[in-house]
Amino acid sequence: MCNEERNKLIKTITLISVATGIVGISLGSIAASFHIPLWIPLALSIFVLAGAAEFTFIGLIASGANPIFAALTGILINLRHFPFGLSVATFIEKNTYQFFACHIMNDESVMFGLSQKNTHSKKWVYWMCGLGISILWPLGVFIGYLLSKNIPDIYIFGIDAAFPAILFALILPMLKNKTTRNRVFLGTSLSLASIPLLPTGLPVLVSMFGLIIGRKTK
């Protein structure tokens, strides 16, 4: 990897990490608006490091749900990390650091890592993006919690749209492959169809059936 290419990747990773941190502001603000103690969203952002599961957990707690049920729901949503793990296993070395590599595994680090052309670049981008998000996500949550008293409606800034926009930009080059396009279309269709039938957060898991159906129709 040449210096010019590395510098471009660093800029992109920085932008992705900052954008993710901004979304973390939204989570912190939501937690504060429901008078949830700061240590809960902060601990989630450090030890769970999975935005969808954290938003779901905070939302359920705020609605009065049992914490155990909220945690189990978050784990269910995070089942998408299973195929993520299978994908990154091809370029993550099996050593002492592999456990931390699993911890920083998130939508952005996986998608951006897989979008690279060679194993070395995939590994480097995965680690840099994962580390950047693991730092800026908790920071965003903390800032959002503190700002929430001065900004009643954090969504007026549209920061909740940052996640899907980032992920779409990352997977766009992969859609050149016909098989990938078919699987994405099937998974998206199944997920959208299940929205009226399933609780918030679960339709995304239904999209994984697109991988199975797409493989059979290949």
N, C-alpha and C. Protein backbone atom coordinates (compact mmCIF):
# COMPACT_ATOMS: atom_id res chain seq x y z
N MET A 1 0.86 -1.20 0.00
CA MET A 1 0.00 0.00 0.00
C MET A 1 0.89 1.25 0.00
N CYS A 2 0.75 2.10 -1.02
CA CYS A 2 1.57 3.30 -1.13
C CYS A 2 1.08 4.36 -0.14
N ASN A 3 1.94 5.36 0.09
CA ASN A 3 1.61 6.40 1.06
C ASN A 3 0.37 7.20 0.65
N GLU A 4 0.23 7.46 -0.65
CA GLU A 4 -0.92 8.23 -1.12
C GLU A 4 -2.23 7.48 -0.86
N GLU A 5 -2.20 6.19 -1.15
CA GLU A 5 -3.39 5.37 -0.91
C GLU A 5 -3.70 5.28 0.57
N ARG A 6 -2.65 5.13 1.38
CA ARG A 6 -2.84 5.05 2.83
C ARG A 6 -3.44 6.35 3.38
N ASN A 7 -2.96 7.49 2.89
CA ASN A 7 -3.47 8.78 3.35
C ASN A 7 -4.94 8.94 3.00
N LYS A 8 -5.34 8.48 1.80
CA LYS A 8 -6.74 8.57 1.40
C LYS A 8 -7.61 7.71 2.31
N LEU A 9 -7.10 6.52 2.63
CA LEU A 9 -7.84 5.62 3.51
C LEU A 9 -7.97 6.21 4.92
N ILE A 10 -6.90 6.85 5.39
CA ILE A 10 -6.94 7.46 6.73
C ILE A 10 -8.00 8.56 6.77
N LYS A 11 -8.08 9.37 5.71
CA LYS A 11 -9.09 10.42 5.64
C LYS A 11 -10.50 9.84 5.66
N THR A 12 -10.69 8.77 4.88
CA THR A 12 -12.01 8.13 4.82
C THR A 12 -12.38 7.51 6.16
N ILE A 13 -11.43 6.83 6.79
CA ILE A 13 -11.67 6.21 8.09
C ILE A 13 -12.00 7.27 9.14
N THR A 14 -11.29 8.39 9.07
CA THR A 14 -11.54 9.48 10.01
C THR A 14 -12.97 10.01 9.85
N LEU A 15 -13.39 10.19 8.60
CA LEU A 15 -14.75 10.69 8.34
C LEU A 15 -15.80 9.70 8.83
N ILE A 16 -15.55 8.41 8.59
CA ILE A 16 -16.50 7.38 9.03
C ILE A 16 -16.59 7.36 10.56
N SER A 17 -15.44 7.43 11.21
CA SER A 17 -15.41 7.39 12.67
C SER A 17 -16.09 8.61 13.27
N VAL A 18 -15.84 9.79 12.69
CA VAL A 18 -16.47 11.01 13.18
C VAL A 18 -17.98 10.95 12.98
N ALA A 19 -18.41 10.50 11.80
CA ALA A 19 -19.84 10.38 11.52
C ALA A 19 -20.51 9.42 12.50
N THR A 20 -19.82 8.33 12.81
CA THR A 20 -20.37 7.37 13.77
C THR A 20 -20.44 7.99 15.16
N GLY A 21 -19.42 8.76 15.52
CA GLY A 21 -19.43 9.45 16.80
C GLY A 21 -20.59 10.43 16.90
N ILE A 22 -20.92 11.07 15.78
CA ILE A 22 -22.04 12.01 15.76
C ILE A 22 -23.36 11.28 16.01
N VAL A 23 -23.48 10.06 15.44
CA VAL A 23 -24.67 9.25 15.71
C VAL A 23 -24.71 8.88 17.19
N GLY A 24 -23.54 8.68 17.78
CA GLY A 24 -23.47 8.39 19.22
C GLY A 24 -24.05 9.53 20.05
N ILE A 25 -23.95 10.75 19.54
CA ILE A 25 -24.55 11.89 20.23
C ILE A 25 -26.05 11.68 20.36
N SER A 26 -26.64 11.12 19.31
CA SER A 26 -28.08 10.85 19.34
C SER A 26 -28.44 9.86 20.44
N LEU A 27 -27.65 8.79 20.56
CA LEU A 27 -27.90 7.78 21.59
C LEU A 27 -27.79 8.39 22.99
N GLY A 28 -26.73 9.18 23.21
CA GLY A 28 -26.55 9.82 24.51
C GLY A 28 -27.70 10.76 24.84
N SER A 29 -28.17 11.48 23.82
CA SER A 29 -29.27 12.41 24.02
C SER A 29 -30.55 11.68 24.38
N ILE A 30 -30.81 10.56 23.69
CA ILE A 30 -32.02 9.79 23.97
C ILE A 30 -31.99 9.25 25.40
N ALA A 31 -30.83 8.72 25.80
CA ALA A 31 -30.70 8.18 27.15
C ALA A 31 -30.95 9.26 28.20
N ALA A 32 -30.41 10.44 27.97
CA ALA A 32 -30.58 11.54 28.92
C ALA A 32 -32.02 12.02 28.96
N SER A 33 -32.70 12.00 27.80
CA SER A 33 -34.08 12.48 27.76
C SER A 33 -35.01 11.59 28.56
N PHE A 34 -34.64 10.33 28.73
CA PHE A 34 -35.45 9.40 29.53
C PHE A 34 -34.90 9.26 30.95
N HIS A 35 -33.96 10.14 31.30
CA HIS A 35 -33.38 10.18 32.65
C HIS A 35 -32.69 8.86 33.02
N ILE A 36 -32.08 8.23 32.04
CA ILE A 36 -31.29 7.02 32.29
C ILE A 36 -29.90 7.45 32.75
N PRO A 37 -29.39 6.88 33.82
CA PRO A 37 -28.07 7.28 34.33
C PRO A 37 -26.98 7.21 33.25
N LEU A 38 -26.07 8.16 33.28
CA LEU A 38 -25.02 8.25 32.26
C LEU A 38 -24.20 6.97 32.14
N TRP A 39 -23.96 6.29 33.25
CA TRP A 39 -23.07 5.13 33.22
C TRP A 39 -23.63 4.00 32.34
N ILE A 40 -24.95 3.95 32.18
CA ILE A 40 -25.55 2.86 31.38
C ILE A 40 -25.24 3.02 29.89
N PRO A 41 -25.58 4.15 29.25
CA PRO A 41 -25.22 4.28 27.83
C PRO A 41 -23.71 4.31 27.60
N LEU A 42 -22.97 4.85 28.58
CA LEU A 42 -21.51 4.92 28.43
C LEU A 42 -20.91 3.52 28.49
N ALA A 43 -21.40 2.69 29.43
CA ALA A 43 -20.90 1.31 29.53
C ALA A 43 -21.27 0.52 28.28
N LEU A 44 -22.47 0.74 27.76
CA LEU A 44 -22.89 0.06 26.54
C LEU A 44 -21.98 0.44 25.37
N SER A 45 -21.67 1.72 25.26
CA SER A 45 -20.86 2.20 24.13
C SER A 45 -19.44 1.68 24.18
N ILE A 46 -18.95 1.35 25.38
CA ILE A 46 -17.58 0.86 25.52
C ILE A 46 -17.51 -0.66 25.42
N PHE A 47 -18.41 -1.36 26.09
CA PHE A 47 -18.33 -2.81 26.20
C PHE A 47 -19.19 -3.57 25.19
N VAL A 48 -20.25 -2.94 24.70
CA VAL A 48 -21.09 -3.58 23.68
C VAL A 48 -20.65 -3.13 22.29
N LEU A 49 -20.51 -1.83 22.12
CA LEU A 49 -20.00 -1.25 20.87
C LEU A 49 -20.79 -1.75 19.65
N ALA A 50 -22.10 -1.68 19.76
CA ALA A 50 -22.97 -2.08 18.65
C ALA A 50 -24.20 -1.17 18.69
N GLY A 51 -24.23 -0.20 17.78
CA GLY A 51 -25.23 0.84 17.82
C GLY A 51 -26.67 0.37 17.85
N ALA A 52 -27.04 -0.54 16.93
CA ALA A 52 -28.44 -0.99 16.85
C ALA A 52 -28.89 -1.63 18.15
N ALA A 53 -28.04 -2.48 18.73
CA ALA A 53 -28.39 -3.15 19.98
C ALA A 53 -28.50 -2.15 21.12
N GLU A 54 -27.63 -1.14 21.13
CA GLU A 54 -27.65 -0.14 22.19
C GLU A 54 -28.91 0.73 22.11
N PHE A 55 -29.27 1.15 20.91
CA PHE A 55 -30.49 1.94 20.73
C PHE A 55 -31.70 1.14 21.19
N THR A 56 -31.72 -0.15 20.84
CA THR A 56 -32.85 -1.00 21.22
C THR A 56 -32.91 -1.18 22.73
N PHE A 57 -31.77 -1.42 23.35
CA PHE A 57 -31.71 -1.61 24.80
C PHE A 57 -32.20 -0.35 25.53
N ILE A 58 -31.69 0.80 25.12
CA ILE A 58 -32.09 2.06 25.76
C ILE A 58 -33.58 2.31 25.55
N GLY A 59 -34.08 2.05 24.36
CA GLY A 59 -35.49 2.26 24.07
C GLY A 59 -36.39 1.37 24.90
N LEU A 60 -36.00 0.10 25.07
CA LEU A 60 -36.81 -0.82 25.86
C LEU A 60 -36.78 -0.46 27.34
N ILE A 61 -35.59 -0.08 27.84
CA ILE A 61 -35.49 0.33 29.24
C ILE A 61 -36.34 1.56 29.50
N ALA A 62 -36.31 2.49 28.54
CA ALA A 62 -37.08 3.72 28.68
C ALA A 62 -38.58 3.44 28.70
N SER A 63 -39.00 2.38 28.01
CA SER A 63 -40.43 2.05 27.95
C SER A 63 -40.86 1.19 29.14
N GLY A 64 -39.90 0.88 30.03
CA GLY A 64 -40.24 0.13 31.24
C GLY A 64 -40.03 -1.36 31.14
N ALA A 65 -39.35 -1.82 30.09
CA ALA A 65 -39.12 -3.25 29.92
C ALA A 65 -38.12 -3.77 30.93
N ASN A 66 -38.18 -5.08 31.19
CA ASN A 66 -37.24 -5.72 32.09
C ASN A 66 -35.83 -5.66 31.49
N PRO A 67 -34.81 -5.29 32.27
CA PRO A 67 -33.45 -5.18 31.74
C PRO A 67 -32.94 -6.47 31.10
N ILE A 68 -33.32 -7.62 31.67
CA ILE A 68 -32.88 -8.90 31.11
C ILE A 68 -33.48 -9.10 29.71
N PHE A 69 -34.78 -8.78 29.58
CA PHE A 69 -35.44 -8.88 28.28
C PHE A 69 -34.79 -7.93 27.28
N ALA A 70 -34.48 -6.72 27.74
CA ALA A 70 -33.85 -5.73 26.86
C ALA A 70 -32.48 -6.22 26.40
N ALA A 71 -31.73 -6.84 27.31
CA ALA A 71 -30.40 -7.36 26.96
C ALA A 71 -30.51 -8.52 25.97
N LEU A 72 -31.46 -9.41 26.19
CA LEU A 72 -31.65 -10.54 25.28
C LEU A 72 -32.07 -10.08 23.89
N THR A 73 -32.89 -9.04 23.84
CA THR A 73 -33.30 -8.48 22.55
C THR A 73 -32.10 -7.89 21.82
N GLY A 74 -31.24 -7.20 22.57
CA GLY A 74 -30.02 -6.65 21.97
C GLY A 74 -29.11 -7.73 21.43
N ILE A 75 -29.00 -8.84 22.17
CA ILE A 75 -28.18 -9.97 21.71
C ILE A 75 -28.77 -10.56 20.43
N LEU A 76 -30.09 -10.66 20.38
CA LEU A 76 -30.75 -11.19 19.20
C LEU A 76 -30.47 -10.33 17.98
N ILE A 77 -30.55 -9.02 18.16
CA ILE A 77 -30.25 -8.10 17.06
C ILE A 77 -28.80 -8.24 16.61
N ASN A 78 -27.91 -8.50 17.56
CA ASN A 78 -26.49 -8.61 17.23
C ASN A 78 -26.12 -9.95 16.60
N LEU A 79 -27.09 -10.79 16.34
CA LEU A 79 -26.80 -12.05 15.64
C LEU A 79 -26.25 -11.80 14.24
N ARG A 80 -26.45 -10.58 13.73
CA ARG A 80 -25.87 -10.26 12.42
C ARG A 80 -24.35 -10.30 12.46
N HIS A 81 -23.78 -10.26 13.67
CA HIS A 81 -22.33 -10.33 13.79
C HIS A 81 -21.80 -11.73 13.48
N PHE A 82 -22.69 -12.71 13.46
CA PHE A 82 -22.24 -14.06 13.12
C PHE A 82 -21.72 -14.13 11.68
N PRO A 83 -22.51 -13.70 10.68
CA PRO A 83 -21.96 -13.68 9.32
C PRO A 83 -20.81 -12.69 9.17
N PHE A 84 -20.83 -11.60 9.98
CA PHE A 84 -19.71 -10.66 9.95
C PHE A 84 -18.41 -11.38 10.33
N GLY A 85 -18.50 -12.18 11.40
CA GLY A 85 -17.32 -12.90 11.87
C GLY A 85 -16.79 -13.86 10.83
N LEU A 86 -17.68 -14.54 10.12
CA LEU A 86 -17.26 -15.46 9.06
C LEU A 86 -16.55 -14.71 7.94
N SER A 87 -17.00 -13.48 7.68
CA SER A 87 -16.42 -12.68 6.60
C SER A 87 -15.01 -12.20 6.93
N VAL A 88 -14.83 -11.68 8.14
CA VAL A 88 -13.53 -11.10 8.50
C VAL A 88 -12.52 -12.16 8.92
N ALA A 89 -12.99 -13.38 9.17
CA ALA A 89 -12.08 -14.45 9.59
C ALA A 89 -11.02 -14.75 8.53
N THR A 90 -11.30 -14.37 7.29
CA THR A 90 -10.36 -14.64 6.20
C THR A 90 -9.12 -13.77 6.25
N PHE A 91 -9.20 -12.63 6.96
CA PHE A 91 -8.02 -11.76 7.02
C PHE A 91 -7.65 -11.31 8.43
N ILE A 92 -8.28 -11.87 9.45
CA ILE A 92 -7.91 -11.58 10.84
C ILE A 92 -7.07 -12.75 11.38
N GLU A 93 -5.84 -12.46 11.79
CA GLU A 93 -4.94 -13.50 12.27
C GLU A 93 -5.42 -14.08 13.60
N LYS A 94 -5.19 -15.38 13.76
CA LYS A 94 -5.58 -16.06 14.99
C LYS A 94 -4.45 -15.95 16.01
N ASN A 95 -4.52 -14.92 16.82
CA ASN A 95 -3.53 -14.72 17.88
C ASN A 95 -4.21 -14.08 19.09
N THR A 96 -3.42 -13.55 19.99
CA THR A 96 -3.97 -12.96 21.22
C THR A 96 -4.93 -11.82 20.93
N TYR A 97 -4.67 -11.10 19.84
CA TYR A 97 -5.47 -9.91 19.54
C TYR A 97 -6.79 -10.22 18.84
N GLN A 98 -7.03 -11.48 18.50
CA GLN A 98 -8.25 -11.79 17.76
C GLN A 98 -9.51 -11.53 18.60
N PHE A 99 -9.38 -11.63 19.93
CA PHE A 99 -10.54 -11.37 20.79
C PHE A 99 -10.91 -9.88 20.77
N PHE A 100 -9.90 -9.03 20.74
CA PHE A 100 -10.17 -7.60 20.64
C PHE A 100 -10.66 -7.25 19.24
N ALA A 101 -10.15 -8.00 18.25
CA ALA A 101 -10.60 -7.79 16.88
C ALA A 101 -12.10 -8.07 16.76
N CYS A 102 -12.57 -9.06 17.50
CA CYS A 102 -14.00 -9.37 17.53
C CYS A 102 -14.78 -8.25 18.20
N HIS A 103 -14.19 -7.64 19.21
CA HIS A 103 -14.89 -6.59 19.94
C HIS A 103 -15.11 -5.35 19.08
N ILE A 104 -14.15 -4.99 18.24
CA ILE A 104 -14.27 -3.80 17.40
C ILE A 104 -14.97 -4.10 16.08
N MET A 105 -15.52 -5.30 15.96
CA MET A 105 -16.24 -5.68 14.74
C MET A 105 -17.60 -4.99 14.72
N ASN A 106 -17.81 -4.13 13.76
CA ASN A 106 -19.09 -3.45 13.61
C ASN A 106 -19.41 -3.28 12.13
N ASP A 107 -20.57 -2.73 11.85
CA ASP A 107 -21.01 -2.61 10.46
C ASP A 107 -19.98 -1.90 9.58
N GLU A 108 -19.48 -0.77 10.09
CA GLU A 108 -18.57 0.04 9.28
C GLU A 108 -17.22 -0.62 9.08
N SER A 109 -16.60 -1.14 10.15
CA SER A 109 -15.28 -1.75 10.01
C SER A 109 -15.32 -2.98 9.11
N VAL A 110 -16.40 -3.75 9.20
CA VAL A 110 -16.54 -4.95 8.35
C VAL A 110 -16.74 -4.56 6.90
N MET A 111 -17.70 -3.67 6.63
CA MET A 111 -18.01 -3.29 5.26
C MET A 111 -16.82 -2.60 4.59
N PHE A 112 -16.18 -1.68 5.30
CA PHE A 112 -15.05 -0.96 4.73
C PHE A 112 -13.86 -1.88 4.54
N GLY A 113 -13.66 -2.79 5.49
CA GLY A 113 -12.57 -3.75 5.36
C GLY A 113 -12.76 -4.67 4.16
N LEU A 114 -13.95 -5.19 3.99
CA LEU A 114 -14.24 -6.10 2.89
C LEU A 114 -14.17 -5.41 1.53
N SER A 115 -14.33 -4.10 1.52
CA SER A 115 -14.33 -3.37 0.25
C SER A 115 -12.92 -3.20 -0.33
N GLN A 116 -11.89 -3.55 0.45
CA GLN A 116 -10.52 -3.41 -0.03
C GLN A 116 -10.13 -4.58 -0.95
N LYS A 117 -9.06 -4.38 -1.71
CA LYS A 117 -8.71 -5.33 -2.76
C LYS A 117 -7.83 -6.49 -2.29
N ASN A 118 -6.96 -6.28 -1.32
CA ASN A 118 -6.05 -7.34 -0.89
C ASN A 118 -6.13 -7.56 0.61
N THR A 119 -5.59 -8.70 1.04
CA THR A 119 -5.69 -9.10 2.45
C THR A 119 -5.06 -8.09 3.40
N HIS A 120 -3.88 -7.58 3.02
CA HIS A 120 -3.18 -6.62 3.89
C HIS A 120 -4.03 -5.36 4.09
N SER A 121 -4.58 -4.83 3.00
CA SER A 121 -5.40 -3.62 3.09
C SER A 121 -6.68 -3.88 3.88
N LYS A 122 -7.27 -5.04 3.68
CA LYS A 122 -8.50 -5.38 4.41
C LYS A 122 -8.24 -5.40 5.90
N LYS A 123 -7.14 -6.04 6.30
CA LYS A 123 -6.80 -6.15 7.71
C LYS A 123 -6.50 -4.77 8.30
N TRP A 124 -5.71 -3.97 7.60
CA TRP A 124 -5.31 -2.66 8.11
C TRP A 124 -6.52 -1.75 8.26
N VAL A 125 -7.36 -1.70 7.23
CA VAL A 125 -8.55 -0.84 7.25
C VAL A 125 -9.52 -1.30 8.34
N TYR A 126 -9.69 -2.61 8.48
CA TYR A 126 -10.59 -3.15 9.51
C TYR A 126 -10.16 -2.68 10.90
N TRP A 127 -8.87 -2.81 11.19
CA TRP A 127 -8.37 -2.44 12.51
C TRP A 127 -8.47 -0.92 12.74
N MET A 128 -8.06 -0.14 11.75
CA MET A 128 -8.08 1.32 11.92
C MET A 128 -9.50 1.84 12.08
N CYS A 129 -10.41 1.34 11.28
CA CYS A 129 -11.80 1.78 11.36
C CYS A 129 -12.43 1.32 12.68
N GLY A 130 -12.16 0.08 13.06
CA GLY A 130 -12.69 -0.44 14.31
C GLY A 130 -12.19 0.32 15.52
N LEU A 131 -10.89 0.64 15.52
CA LEU A 131 -10.31 1.39 16.65
C LEU A 131 -10.85 2.82 16.69
N GLY A 132 -10.98 3.44 15.51
CA GLY A 132 -11.50 4.81 15.46
C GLY A 132 -12.91 4.90 16.02
N ILE A 133 -13.74 3.95 15.63
CA ILE A 133 -15.12 3.95 16.10
C ILE A 133 -15.20 3.61 17.59
N SER A 134 -14.33 2.70 18.05
CA SER A 134 -14.35 2.32 19.46
C SER A 134 -13.97 3.48 20.37
N ILE A 135 -13.32 4.51 19.81
CA ILE A 135 -12.95 5.70 20.58
C ILE A 135 -14.02 6.79 20.45
N LEU A 136 -14.45 7.05 19.21
CA LEU A 136 -15.35 8.17 18.97
C LEU A 136 -16.81 7.86 19.27
N TRP A 137 -17.19 6.58 19.24
CA TRP A 137 -18.57 6.24 19.59
C TRP A 137 -18.87 6.54 21.07
N PRO A 138 -18.07 6.06 22.03
CA PRO A 138 -18.33 6.42 23.43
C PRO A 138 -18.22 7.92 23.67
N LEU A 139 -17.29 8.57 22.98
CA LEU A 139 -17.13 10.01 23.14
C LEU A 139 -18.40 10.73 22.68
N GLY A 140 -18.96 10.28 21.55
CA GLY A 140 -20.20 10.86 21.05
C GLY A 140 -21.35 10.67 22.02
N VAL A 141 -21.45 9.48 22.59
CA VAL A 141 -22.50 9.19 23.56
C VAL A 141 -22.38 10.13 24.77
N PHE A 142 -21.17 10.30 25.25
CA PHE A 142 -20.93 11.17 26.40
C PHE A 142 -21.31 12.61 26.09
N ILE A 143 -20.89 13.10 24.93
CA ILE A 143 -21.20 14.48 24.54
C ILE A 143 -22.71 14.66 24.36
N GLY A 144 -23.35 13.67 23.72
CA GLY A 144 -24.79 13.75 23.51
C GLY A 144 -25.56 13.81 24.81
N TYR A 145 -25.09 13.05 25.78
CA TYR A 145 -25.75 13.05 27.10
C TYR A 145 -25.66 14.43 27.74
N LEU A 146 -24.49 15.05 27.63
CA LEU A 146 -24.30 16.37 28.25
C LEU A 146 -25.07 17.46 27.51
N LEU A 147 -25.19 17.32 26.19
CA LEU A 147 -25.85 18.35 25.38
C LEU A 147 -27.37 18.26 25.40
N SER A 148 -27.88 17.11 25.82
CA SER A 148 -29.31 16.85 25.68
C SER A 148 -30.19 17.88 26.38
N LYS A 149 -29.70 18.46 27.47
CA LYS A 149 -30.50 19.44 28.22
C LYS A 149 -30.65 20.76 27.45
N ASN A 150 -29.73 20.99 26.51
CA ASN A 150 -29.77 22.23 25.73
C ASN A 150 -30.35 22.03 24.33
N ILE A 151 -30.43 20.76 23.88
CA ILE A 151 -30.98 20.46 22.56
C ILE A 151 -32.11 19.46 22.74
N PRO A 152 -33.35 19.93 22.86
CA PRO A 152 -34.48 19.04 23.14
C PRO A 152 -34.68 17.97 22.06
N ASP A 153 -34.52 18.35 20.79
CA ASP A 153 -34.76 17.41 19.70
C ASP A 153 -33.50 17.28 18.87
N ILE A 154 -32.68 16.27 19.21
CA ILE A 154 -31.40 16.08 18.52
C ILE A 154 -31.58 15.66 17.07
N TYR A 155 -32.77 15.12 16.73
CA TYR A 155 -32.99 14.61 15.38
C TYR A 155 -33.18 15.71 14.34
N ILE A 156 -33.33 16.96 14.78
CA ILE A 156 -33.51 18.04 13.82
C ILE A 156 -32.26 18.21 12.96
N PHE A 157 -31.12 17.67 13.40
CA PHE A 157 -29.88 17.75 12.64
C PHE A 157 -29.74 16.61 11.63
N GLY A 158 -30.65 15.64 11.70
CA GLY A 158 -30.62 14.54 10.75
C GLY A 158 -29.48 13.56 10.96
N ILE A 159 -28.88 13.54 12.14
CA ILE A 159 -27.72 12.68 12.36
C ILE A 159 -28.10 11.21 12.41
N ASP A 160 -29.41 10.90 12.60
CA ASP A 160 -29.83 9.52 12.63
C ASP A 160 -29.73 8.87 11.26
N ALA A 161 -29.55 9.70 10.22
CA ALA A 161 -29.44 9.15 8.86
C ALA A 161 -28.00 8.84 8.49
N ALA A 162 -27.05 9.15 9.37
CA ALA A 162 -25.64 8.95 9.05
C ALA A 162 -25.28 7.48 8.87
N PHE A 163 -25.80 6.62 9.76
CA PHE A 163 -25.49 5.19 9.68
C PHE A 163 -25.85 4.58 8.33
N PRO A 164 -27.15 4.66 7.92
CA PRO A 164 -27.50 4.04 6.64
C PRO A 164 -26.78 4.66 5.45
N ALA A 165 -26.52 5.97 5.51
CA ALA A 165 -25.81 6.63 4.41
C ALA A 165 -24.39 6.10 4.27
N ILE A 166 -23.71 5.93 5.42
CA ILE A 166 -22.34 5.42 5.41
C ILE A 166 -22.30 4.00 4.86
N LEU A 167 -23.19 3.14 5.36
CA LEU A 167 -23.19 1.74 4.95
C LEU A 167 -23.52 1.59 3.47
N PHE A 168 -24.47 2.40 2.99
CA PHE A 168 -24.82 2.32 1.58
C PHE A 168 -23.63 2.69 0.70
N ALA A 169 -22.91 3.74 1.11
CA ALA A 169 -21.73 4.16 0.36
C ALA A 169 -20.66 3.08 0.33
N LEU A 170 -20.54 2.31 1.41
CA LEU A 170 -19.51 1.28 1.50
C LEU A 170 -19.85 0.05 0.66
N ILE A 171 -21.13 -0.31 0.60
CA ILE A 171 -21.50 -1.53 -0.13
C ILE A 171 -21.76 -1.27 -1.60
N LEU A 172 -21.87 0.00 -2.01
CA LEU A 172 -22.20 0.33 -3.39
C LEU A 172 -21.26 -0.33 -4.40
N PRO A 173 -19.92 -0.29 -4.20
CA PRO A 173 -19.03 -0.94 -5.17
C PRO A 173 -19.24 -2.45 -5.26
N MET A 174 -19.70 -3.08 -4.16
CA MET A 174 -19.91 -4.52 -4.16
C MET A 174 -21.12 -4.94 -4.99
N LEU A 175 -22.01 -4.00 -5.27
CA LEU A 175 -23.23 -4.32 -6.01
C LEU A 175 -22.96 -4.54 -7.50
N LYS A 176 -21.72 -4.37 -7.92
CA LYS A 176 -21.38 -4.65 -9.31
C LYS A 176 -21.47 -6.15 -9.59
N ASN A 177 -21.33 -6.96 -8.55
CA ASN A 177 -21.44 -8.41 -8.69
C ASN A 177 -22.92 -8.82 -8.72
N LYS A 178 -23.31 -9.59 -9.73
CA LYS A 178 -24.71 -9.96 -9.92
C LYS A 178 -25.25 -10.77 -8.75
N THR A 179 -24.48 -11.74 -8.28
CA THR A 179 -24.92 -12.57 -7.16
C THR A 179 -25.13 -11.74 -5.91
N THR A 180 -24.20 -10.80 -5.66
CA THR A 180 -24.34 -9.91 -4.50
C THR A 180 -25.59 -9.05 -4.63
N ARG A 181 -25.84 -8.52 -5.83
CA ARG A 181 -27.04 -7.71 -6.04
C ARG A 181 -28.31 -8.50 -5.76
N ASN A 182 -28.35 -9.74 -6.23
CA ASN A 182 -29.53 -10.58 -6.01
C ASN A 182 -29.77 -10.81 -4.52
N ARG A 183 -28.69 -11.09 -3.79
CA ARG A 183 -28.81 -11.35 -2.36
C ARG A 183 -29.24 -10.09 -1.60
N VAL A 184 -28.68 -8.95 -1.99
CA VAL A 184 -29.06 -7.69 -1.36
C VAL A 184 -30.53 -7.38 -1.61
N PHE A 185 -30.98 -7.58 -2.86
CA PHE A 185 -32.38 -7.31 -3.21
C PHE A 185 -33.31 -8.23 -2.43
N LEU A 186 -32.98 -9.51 -2.37
CA LEU A 186 -33.82 -10.46 -1.64
C LEU A 186 -33.86 -10.14 -0.14
N GLY A 187 -32.68 -9.88 0.42
CA GLY A 187 -32.60 -9.57 1.85
C GLY A 187 -33.36 -8.30 2.19
N THR A 188 -33.21 -7.27 1.36
CA THR A 188 -33.92 -6.00 1.59
C THR A 188 -35.42 -6.19 1.50
N SER A 189 -35.86 -6.95 0.51
CA SER A 189 -37.30 -7.18 0.31
C SER A 189 -37.89 -7.93 1.51
N LEU A 190 -37.19 -8.96 1.96
CA LEU A 190 -37.67 -9.73 3.11
C LEU A 190 -37.73 -8.87 4.37
N SER A 191 -36.70 -8.04 4.55
CA SER A 191 -36.64 -7.18 5.73
C SER A 191 -37.79 -6.17 5.73
N LEU A 192 -38.02 -5.53 4.59
CA LEU A 192 -39.09 -4.54 4.49
C LEU A 192 -40.46 -5.19 4.69
N ALA A 193 -40.64 -6.40 4.15
CA ALA A 193 -41.92 -7.09 4.27
C ALA A 193 -42.21 -7.48 5.71
N SER A 194 -41.15 -7.69 6.51
CA SER A 194 -41.35 -8.14 7.90
C SER A 194 -41.51 -7.00 8.89
N ILE A 195 -41.31 -5.75 8.45
CA ILE A 195 -41.40 -4.61 9.36
C ILE A 195 -42.75 -4.52 10.08
N PRO A 196 -43.88 -4.72 9.38
CA PRO A 196 -45.17 -4.62 10.09
C PRO A 196 -45.43 -5.80 11.03
N LEU A 197 -44.63 -6.86 10.91
CA LEU A 197 -44.89 -8.08 11.67
C LEU A 197 -43.98 -8.28 12.86
N LEU A 198 -42.81 -7.64 12.85
CA LEU A 198 -41.81 -7.88 13.89
C LEU A 198 -41.48 -6.61 14.66
N PRO A 199 -41.00 -6.77 15.92
CA PRO A 199 -40.59 -5.60 16.71
C PRO A 199 -39.41 -4.88 16.07
N THR A 200 -39.23 -3.63 16.44
CA THR A 200 -38.11 -2.83 15.92
C THR A 200 -36.77 -3.51 16.17
N GLY A 201 -35.94 -3.56 15.14
CA GLY A 201 -34.62 -4.15 15.26
C GLY A 201 -34.51 -5.55 14.72
N LEU A 202 -35.62 -6.30 14.69
CA LEU A 202 -35.58 -7.69 14.24
C LEU A 202 -35.67 -7.85 12.72
N PRO A 203 -36.36 -6.96 11.98
CA PRO A 203 -36.43 -7.13 10.52
C PRO A 203 -35.06 -7.22 9.85
N VAL A 204 -34.05 -6.54 10.44
CA VAL A 204 -32.72 -6.60 9.83
C VAL A 204 -32.17 -8.02 9.85
N LEU A 205 -32.57 -8.82 10.85
CA LEU A 205 -32.11 -10.21 10.92
C LEU A 205 -32.75 -11.04 9.82
N VAL A 206 -33.98 -10.72 9.46
CA VAL A 206 -34.68 -11.45 8.41
C VAL A 206 -33.94 -11.31 7.08
N SER A 207 -33.27 -10.18 6.91
CA SER A 207 -32.55 -9.95 5.65
C SER A 207 -31.47 -10.99 5.40
N MET A 208 -30.98 -11.65 6.46
CA MET A 208 -29.94 -12.66 6.29
C MET A 208 -30.43 -13.87 5.52
N PHE A 209 -31.76 -14.07 5.49
CA PHE A 209 -32.30 -15.18 4.70
C PHE A 209 -32.04 -14.95 3.20
N GLY A 210 -31.80 -13.70 2.84
CA GLY A 210 -31.46 -13.39 1.46
C GLY A 210 -30.18 -14.08 1.03
N LEU A 211 -29.25 -14.28 1.97
CA LEU A 211 -28.01 -14.98 1.65
C LEU A 211 -28.28 -16.43 1.30
N ILE A 212 -29.20 -17.05 2.05
CA ILE A 212 -29.53 -18.46 1.82
C ILE A 212 -30.29 -18.64 0.52
N ILE A 213 -31.33 -17.83 0.34
CA ILE A 213 -32.14 -17.93 -0.87
C ILE A 213 -31.31 -17.58 -2.11
N GLY A 214 -30.51 -16.54 -1.98
CA GLY A 214 -29.67 -16.12 -3.11
C GLY A 214 -28.67 -17.20 -3.50
N ARG A 215 -28.18 -17.95 -2.52
CA ARG A 215 -27.24 -19.02 -2.83
C ARG A 215 -27.90 -20.16 -3.56
N LYS A 216 -29.15 -20.46 -3.18
CA LYS A 216 -29.87 -21.55 -3.82
C LYS A 216 -30.27 -21.22 -5.24
N THR A 217 -30.49 -19.91 -5.52
CA THR A 217 -30.94 -19.54 -6.85
C THR A 217 -29.78 -19.16 -7.75
N LYS A 218 -28.56 -19.31 -7.25
CA LYS A 218 -27.39 -18.91 -8.02
C LYS A 218 -27.23 -19.78 -9.25
